[in-house]
Amino acid sequence: MEAIGCYVTLPRQRKCCGRPAFSVGNLDETRRLGAHNLALLANDDAPIIFLEPSCYSMFVEDYRELGLPGAAAVAARCILFEDFIENLLKQAPDALKFDHEQGRLAIHAHCHAKALTTVKNWRQLAARMPNRTVAMLDTGCCGMAGSFGMLASKYELSLKIAEPLMDQIKQQPFGTTIVLSGTSCRHQVRHLATVRVQHMAEVLAEALAKT
């Protein structure tokens, strides 16, 4: 983001978005965490960039459904990293200079991202890197779903849910980088396959032309 000309800050004293608590029905804890984060990010107009779609969904959807004060104003400033960078490059295509190394990328879109954004932007963003072959996988949930796949009682079901995704990943040519925005997705794929797994931010950072 600094390479594209942005001034970046990481808010101090931020807390968990509340997704883990929300997912198990602990709404009191979710409200406590959400109220803290909203107060921290209020009174500003800077865009709030998210690397993790699960966190993004809390800010743009769930905080508002919980009726937290100030949620709508903060939600209007929230955007996923991939969308933010692609929107900038649509306006200024030469703002980032990439190398010309060959590579293969296969993108698995996070469930929350598919529900709340237009993930075709991700393919367009990846395709801006020269000499990369980019595939958008036609997949559903990875099966991890936050802490769901970590539970001993849900482990086998988690693997069953992951089978369609893993079948597509295993069909990719050797050396393909699997691009996943979700932390849970990356954990699940690393657990089930010996492939290179990266967030889109890591892919773009590695591809920046050396000066």
Protein backbone atom coordinates (compact mmCIF):
# COMPACT_ATOMS: atom_id res chain seq x y z
CA MET A 1 0.00 0.00 0.00
CA GLU A 2 2.92 2.35 0.62
CA ALA A 3 4.28 1.40 -2.80
CA ILE A 4 1.06 2.64 -4.41
CA GLY A 5 1.37 5.95 -2.57
CA CYS A 6 -0.81 5.46 0.51
CA TYR A 7 0.01 6.71 3.99
CA VAL A 8 -0.78 3.72 6.21
CA THR A 9 -1.47 3.61 9.93
CA LEU A 10 -2.32 0.65 12.16
CA PRO A 11 -4.77 1.76 14.87
CA ARG A 12 -3.38 1.19 18.33
CA GLN A 13 -5.42 -0.56 21.02
CA ARG A 14 -7.69 -2.26 18.48
CA LYS A 15 -9.32 -5.49 19.63
CA CYS A 16 -10.63 -8.62 17.93
CA CYS A 17 -13.54 -7.88 15.60
CA GLY A 18 -15.68 -10.29 17.62
CA ARG A 19 -16.19 -12.89 14.90
CA PRO A 20 -15.14 -15.86 17.11
CA ALA A 21 -17.55 -14.80 19.87
CA PHE A 22 -20.30 -14.00 17.37
CA SER A 23 -19.95 -17.40 15.69
CA VAL A 24 -20.72 -19.23 18.95
CA GLY A 25 -23.55 -16.93 19.99
CA ASN A 26 -21.71 -14.87 22.61
CA LEU A 27 -23.38 -11.62 21.63
CA ASP A 28 -22.51 -9.72 24.81
CA GLU A 29 -18.80 -10.19 24.14
CA THR A 30 -19.32 -9.34 20.48
CA ARG A 31 -21.03 -6.08 21.41
CA ARG A 32 -18.27 -5.20 23.87
CA LEU A 33 -15.54 -5.73 21.27
CA GLY A 34 -17.51 -4.03 18.52
CA ALA A 35 -18.26 -0.94 20.60
CA HIS A 36 -14.56 -0.59 21.42
CA ASN A 37 -13.49 -0.88 17.78
CA LEU A 38 -16.15 1.51 16.51
CA ALA A 39 -15.20 4.15 19.09
CA LEU A 40 -11.54 3.75 18.14
CA LEU A 41 -12.21 4.27 14.43
CA ALA A 42 -14.84 6.99 14.67
CA ASN A 43 -14.22 10.69 13.95
CA ASP A 44 -12.11 10.04 10.87
CA ASP A 45 -12.72 9.82 7.15
CA ALA A 46 -9.86 7.55 6.11
CA PRO A 47 -10.76 4.25 4.44
CA ILE A 48 -10.40 1.20 6.66
CA ILE A 49 -8.65 -1.62 4.81
CA PHE A 50 -9.27 -5.25 5.74
CA LEU A 51 -7.06 -8.23 4.91
CA GLU A 52 -9.48 -10.73 6.48
CA PRO A 53 -13.02 -11.02 5.04
CA SER A 54 -14.45 -12.40 8.29
CA CYS A 55 -13.40 -9.23 10.12
CA TYR A 56 -14.66 -7.10 7.23
CA SER A 57 -18.09 -8.72 7.42
CA MET A 58 -18.38 -7.90 11.12
CA PHE A 59 -17.74 -4.22 10.46
CA VAL A 60 -19.95 -3.82 7.39
CA GLU A 61 -22.84 -6.09 8.35
CA ASP A 62 -22.93 -7.65 11.81
CA TYR A 63 -22.15 -4.57 13.92
CA ARG A 64 -25.07 -2.82 12.25
CA GLU A 65 -27.39 -5.80 12.80
CA LEU A 66 -26.41 -5.72 16.47
CA GLY A 67 -27.46 -2.06 16.60
CA LEU A 68 -24.09 -0.75 17.73
CA PRO A 69 -23.91 3.09 17.72
CA GLY A 70 -21.82 4.49 14.88
CA ALA A 71 -21.70 1.19 12.99
CA ALA A 72 -23.17 2.54 9.75
CA ALA A 73 -20.73 5.46 9.53
CA VAL A 74 -17.72 3.22 10.06
CA ALA A 75 -19.08 0.56 7.68
CA ALA A 76 -19.20 3.13 4.89
CA ARG A 77 -15.40 3.51 5.15
CA CYS A 78 -14.60 -0.23 5.13
CA ILE A 79 -13.19 -2.07 2.13
CA LEU A 80 -11.27 -5.27 1.48
CA PHE A 81 -7.62 -4.93 0.50
CA GLU A 82 -8.10 -6.50 -2.93
CA ASP A 83 -10.95 -4.15 -3.84
CA PHE A 84 -9.09 -1.10 -2.56
CA ILE A 85 -5.97 -1.79 -4.63
CA GLU A 86 -7.93 -2.77 -7.76
CA ASN A 87 -10.03 0.39 -7.55
CA LEU A 88 -6.88 2.50 -7.36
CA LEU A 89 -5.26 0.69 -10.27
CA LYS A 90 -8.35 1.15 -12.41
CA GLN A 91 -7.80 4.90 -12.04
CA ALA A 92 -4.00 4.78 -12.26
CA PRO A 93 -2.85 1.53 -13.94
CA ASP A 94 0.82 2.47 -13.71
CA ALA A 95 0.77 3.24 -9.99
CA LEU A 96 2.41 -0.14 -9.30
CA LYS A 97 5.22 -1.64 -11.36
CA PHE A 98 5.43 -5.43 -11.39
CA ASP A 99 8.18 -7.80 -12.46
CA HIS A 100 7.76 -10.08 -15.47
CA GLU A 101 8.41 -13.43 -13.82
CA GLN A 102 6.18 -16.27 -14.94
CA GLY A 103 3.82 -17.88 -12.49
CA ARG A 104 0.48 -19.58 -11.94
CA LEU A 105 -2.12 -18.36 -9.48
CA ALA A 106 -5.37 -20.03 -8.43
CA ILE A 107 -7.70 -17.89 -6.31
CA HIS A 108 -10.18 -19.26 -3.77
CA ALA A 109 -12.59 -16.52 -2.70
CA HIS A 110 -13.66 -16.39 0.93
CA CYS A 111 -17.37 -17.01 1.62
CA HIS A 112 -17.87 -13.61 3.27
CA ALA A 113 -16.14 -11.88 0.38
CA LYS A 114 -18.40 -13.61 -2.13
CA ALA A 115 -21.45 -12.60 -0.13
CA LEU A 116 -20.50 -8.95 0.31
CA THR A 117 -18.25 -7.92 -2.60
CA THR A 118 -17.58 -8.57 -6.28
CA VAL A 119 -14.74 -11.07 -6.23
CA LYS A 120 -14.15 -10.81 -9.98
CA ASN A 121 -12.06 -7.77 -8.97
CA TRP A 122 -9.58 -10.21 -7.48
CA ARG A 123 -8.95 -11.96 -10.78
CA GLN A 124 -8.57 -8.61 -12.52
CA LEU A 125 -6.09 -7.51 -9.87
CA ALA A 126 -4.01 -10.68 -10.15
CA ALA A 127 -4.04 -10.45 -13.94
CA ARG A 128 -2.31 -7.05 -13.75
CA MET A 129 0.93 -8.89 -12.95
CA PRO A 130 2.65 -9.73 -16.26
CA ASN A 131 3.22 -13.35 -17.27
CA ARG A 132 0.92 -14.77 -14.59
CA THR A 133 -1.70 -17.35 -15.49
CA VAL A 134 -4.67 -16.68 -13.21
CA ALA A 135 -7.57 -19.02 -12.44
CA MET A 136 -10.57 -18.23 -10.26
CA LEU A 137 -11.59 -21.47 -8.57
CA ASP A 138 -15.31 -22.29 -8.61
CA THR A 139 -15.50 -23.33 -4.98
CA GLY A 140 -17.65 -23.23 -1.89
CA CYS A 141 -16.62 -23.18 1.76
CA CYS A 142 -13.20 -24.51 2.74
CA GLY A 143 -14.81 -26.30 5.69
CA MET A 144 -12.79 -24.59 8.41
CA ALA A 145 -15.24 -21.72 9.00
CA GLY A 146 -13.32 -20.08 11.82
CA SER A 147 -13.17 -22.44 14.80
CA PHE A 148 -15.70 -24.92 13.34
CA GLY A 149 -13.09 -27.19 11.77
CA MET A 150 -10.95 -27.03 14.91
CA LEU A 151 -13.57 -28.83 16.99
CA ALA A 152 -12.94 -32.55 17.36
CA SER A 153 -16.64 -33.21 16.92
CA LYS A 154 -16.70 -31.32 13.59
CA TYR A 155 -13.34 -32.33 12.15
CA GLU A 156 -14.56 -35.09 9.82
CA LEU A 157 -17.43 -32.91 8.59
CA SER A 158 -14.97 -30.09 7.99
CA LEU A 159 -12.87 -32.37 5.78
CA LYS A 160 -15.96 -33.49 3.87
CA ILE A 161 -16.94 -29.88 3.17
CA ALA A 162 -13.38 -29.17 1.99
CA GLU A 163 -13.31 -32.01 -0.57
CA PRO A 164 -14.56 -30.02 -3.62
CA LEU A 165 -12.04 -27.25 -2.96
CA MET A 166 -9.19 -29.66 -2.38
CA ASP A 167 -10.05 -31.62 -5.56
CA GLN A 168 -9.68 -28.42 -7.59
CA ILE A 169 -6.47 -27.43 -5.85
CA LYS A 170 -4.91 -30.84 -6.46
CA GLN A 171 -5.73 -30.53 -10.17
CA GLN A 172 -3.65 -27.36 -10.50
CA PRO A 173 -0.29 -27.60 -12.30
CA PHE A 174 2.78 -28.10 -10.16
CA GLY A 175 4.09 -24.82 -8.77
CA THR A 176 0.73 -23.05 -8.70
CA THR A 177 0.33 -20.58 -5.84
CA ILE A 178 -3.04 -20.86 -4.13
CA VAL A 179 -4.29 -17.38 -3.22
CA LEU A 180 -6.64 -17.23 -0.24
CA SER A 181 -7.65 -14.14 1.71
CA GLY A 182 -9.11 -15.97 4.71
CA THR A 183 -6.92 -17.07 7.60
CA SER A 184 -9.10 -20.14 8.17
CA CYS A 185 -8.97 -21.01 4.48
CA ARG A 186 -5.19 -20.84 4.40
CA HIS A 187 -4.96 -22.98 7.53
CA GLN A 188 -7.26 -25.63 6.06
CA VAL A 189 -5.46 -25.83 2.72
CA ARG A 190 -2.03 -26.02 4.36
CA HIS A 191 -3.38 -28.84 6.53
CA LEU A 192 -4.66 -30.85 3.58
CA ALA A 193 -2.22 -30.21 0.73
CA THR A 194 1.45 -29.51 0.08
CA VAL A 195 1.02 -26.33 -1.94
CA ARG A 196 2.19 -22.74 -1.70
CA VAL A 197 -0.50 -20.66 -0.02
CA GLN A 198 -0.47 -16.85 0.10
CA HIS A 199 -2.69 -13.86 0.72
CA MET A 200 -3.11 -11.56 -2.29
CA ALA A 201 -1.15 -8.87 -0.44
CA GLU A 202 1.84 -11.22 -0.23
CA VAL A 203 1.55 -12.11 -3.92
CA LEU A 204 1.51 -8.45 -4.98
CA ALA A 205 4.35 -7.48 -2.63
CA GLU A 206 6.60 -10.23 -4.01
CA ALA A 207 5.77 -9.22 -7.60
CA LEU A 208 6.72 -5.55 -7.20
CA ALA A 209 9.46 -4.60 -9.64
CA LYS A 210 12.83 -4.24 -7.96
CA THR A 211 14.24 -0.74 -8.21
